[in-house]
Amino acid sequence: MSATTMGIDHIGLTVANLEASTRFFTECLGWRVFGSDPAYPATYVTDGTAKITLWQVADTTAFAAFDRKNAVGLHHLALKVPDRSSLDGLFERVRAYPGVQVEFAPEPSGNGPKWHAMVMEPGGARLELSFDPR
């Protein structure tokens, strides 16, 4: 049987702080907003290739924090970069951005040759920054 889908249209992330997450994607990563729905509320961002919908949690005072090991759903979102120097440069910019939590700095993934870093963006989504030379 052949695949009946054509890749990913977009990824939806629920975030604890829509404004902070939107600023992180646009100010730190250089993405652009291509739409929003204030009634939902949600913001739609893109890097020109990938598209992400950022949704505000319904109750900002009582929500479950991200739990990659015990909640079904997103474990992390991996964003690729073109080369190792881009990975290092982006990691430095991301690490310095207010509200970002670093899980680990760039390191080999397993036995390589892939390199990656893991962070939590200000709205609570876990992001991998990844370079794979293959």
Protein backbone atom coordinates (compact mmCIF):
# COMPACT_ATOMS: atom_id res chain seq x y z
CA MET A 1 0.00 0.00 0.00
CA SER A 2 1.34 3.45 -0.86
CA ALA A 3 1.10 6.45 1.44
CA THR A 4 -2.12 8.41 1.21
CA THR A 5 -0.66 11.58 2.74
CA MET A 6 1.89 14.09 1.47
CA GLY A 7 3.91 15.15 4.51
CA ILE A 8 3.04 17.52 7.31
CA ASP A 9 0.82 20.52 6.63
CA HIS A 10 1.46 22.15 10.01
CA ILE A 11 2.12 21.35 13.65
CA GLY A 12 -0.13 22.66 16.43
CA LEU A 13 1.44 23.46 19.80
CA THR A 14 -0.52 24.41 22.91
CA VAL A 15 1.51 26.95 24.87
CA ALA A 16 1.25 28.50 28.32
CA ASN A 17 1.92 32.02 27.06
CA LEU A 18 0.92 32.74 23.46
CA GLU A 19 2.55 36.17 23.38
CA ALA A 20 5.89 34.86 24.73
CA SER A 21 5.91 31.89 22.32
CA THR A 22 5.02 34.10 19.35
CA ARG A 23 7.83 36.52 20.26
CA PHE A 24 10.29 33.62 20.62
CA PHE A 25 9.49 32.23 17.18
CA THR A 26 9.55 35.64 15.49
CA GLU A 27 12.26 37.53 17.40
CA CYS A 28 14.64 34.68 18.25
CA LEU A 29 14.14 32.21 15.39
CA GLY A 30 13.29 34.77 12.70
CA TRP A 31 9.95 33.22 11.75
CA ARG A 32 7.04 35.40 10.60
CA VAL A 33 3.39 35.53 11.63
CA PHE A 34 1.08 34.66 8.74
CA GLY A 35 -2.23 34.78 10.59
CA SER A 36 -4.00 34.62 13.90
CA ASP A 37 -7.34 33.93 15.53
CA PRO A 38 -7.81 36.18 18.57
CA ALA A 39 -11.04 34.38 19.49
CA TYR A 40 -9.31 31.00 19.86
CA PRO A 41 -6.64 32.45 20.62
CA ALA A 42 -3.95 31.26 18.22
CA THR A 43 -1.07 32.61 16.16
CA TYR A 44 0.23 31.02 12.95
CA VAL A 45 3.99 31.24 12.29
CA THR A 46 6.27 30.02 9.51
CA ASP A 47 9.94 29.92 8.58
CA GLY A 48 8.95 29.81 4.91
CA THR A 49 8.89 26.01 4.90
CA ALA A 50 7.39 24.74 8.16
CA LYS A 51 4.16 26.10 9.64
CA ILE A 52 3.24 26.03 13.32
CA THR A 53 -0.01 26.98 15.00
CA LEU A 54 0.55 28.26 18.54
CA TRP A 55 -2.55 27.89 20.74
CA GLN A 56 -2.99 29.53 24.12
CA VAL A 57 -4.00 27.12 26.92
CA ALA A 58 -7.59 27.76 28.00
CA ASP A 59 -6.75 28.41 31.66
CA THR A 60 -3.36 30.03 32.19
CA THR A 61 -3.67 29.56 35.96
CA ALA A 62 -4.33 25.81 35.95
CA PHE A 63 -2.75 23.75 33.20
CA ALA A 64 -0.60 20.63 33.09
CA ALA A 65 3.04 21.45 32.35
CA PHE A 66 4.74 19.68 29.45
CA ASP A 67 5.52 16.06 30.31
CA ARG A 68 7.30 14.21 27.50
CA LYS A 69 7.45 10.92 29.41
CA ASN A 70 3.89 10.61 30.75
CA ALA A 71 1.54 12.41 28.38
CA VAL A 72 0.43 11.09 25.01
CA GLY A 73 1.29 13.48 22.20
CA LEU A 74 4.23 15.73 21.53
CA HIS A 75 7.63 14.59 22.82
CA HIS A 76 9.47 17.44 21.09
CA LEU A 77 9.51 19.39 17.85
CA ALA A 78 12.77 19.12 15.88
CA LEU A 79 13.82 22.10 13.77
CA LYS A 80 16.62 21.51 11.27
CA VAL A 81 19.46 23.86 10.42
CA PRO A 82 21.77 23.67 7.37
CA ASP A 83 25.15 23.12 9.04
CA ARG A 84 27.03 22.76 12.31
CA SER A 85 28.02 26.44 12.57
CA SER A 86 24.35 27.40 12.13
CA LEU A 87 23.42 25.02 14.93
CA ASP A 88 26.02 26.53 17.26
CA GLY A 89 25.04 30.11 16.37
CA LEU A 90 21.32 29.47 16.75
CA PHE A 91 21.85 27.69 20.05
CA GLU A 92 23.75 30.68 21.44
CA ARG A 93 20.95 33.04 20.37
CA VAL A 94 18.24 30.74 21.76
CA ARG A 95 20.09 30.14 25.04
CA ALA A 96 20.32 33.91 25.64
CA TYR A 97 16.62 34.51 24.87
CA PRO A 98 14.53 35.39 27.97
CA GLY A 99 12.52 32.48 29.36
CA VAL A 100 14.32 29.72 27.46
CA GLN A 101 15.38 26.68 29.47
CA VAL A 102 18.30 24.68 28.10
CA GLU A 103 18.10 20.91 28.47
CA PHE A 104 21.44 20.33 26.71
CA ALA A 105 23.84 22.22 24.43
CA PRO A 106 24.84 20.93 20.97
CA GLU A 107 26.16 17.39 21.18
CA PRO A 108 26.25 14.30 18.98
CA SER A 109 22.96 12.44 18.69
CA GLY A 110 23.82 8.87 19.60
CA ASN A 111 26.96 7.93 17.67
CA GLY A 112 26.47 10.79 15.18
CA PRO A 113 26.96 12.11 12.61
CA LYS A 114 23.86 14.11 13.61
CA TRP A 115 24.28 16.91 16.16
CA HIS A 116 21.47 18.38 18.23
CA ALA A 117 20.52 20.57 21.20
CA MET A 118 17.32 20.57 23.27
CA VAL A 119 15.54 23.59 24.78
CA MET A 120 12.18 24.57 26.22
CA GLU A 121 10.82 27.75 24.62
CA PRO A 122 9.21 30.41 26.88
CA GLY A 123 5.68 29.06 26.31
CA GLY A 124 6.64 25.56 27.44
CA ALA A 125 7.13 23.58 24.20
CA ARG A 126 10.21 21.34 23.97
CA LEU A 127 12.29 22.06 20.84
CA GLU A 128 15.22 20.22 19.33
CA LEU A 129 17.66 22.14 17.14
CA SER A 130 19.19 19.66 14.72
CA PHE A 131 21.89 19.34 12.06
CA ASP A 132 22.32 16.10 10.15
CA PRO A 133 25.06 16.05 7.48
CA ARG A 134 23.67 12.92 5.79
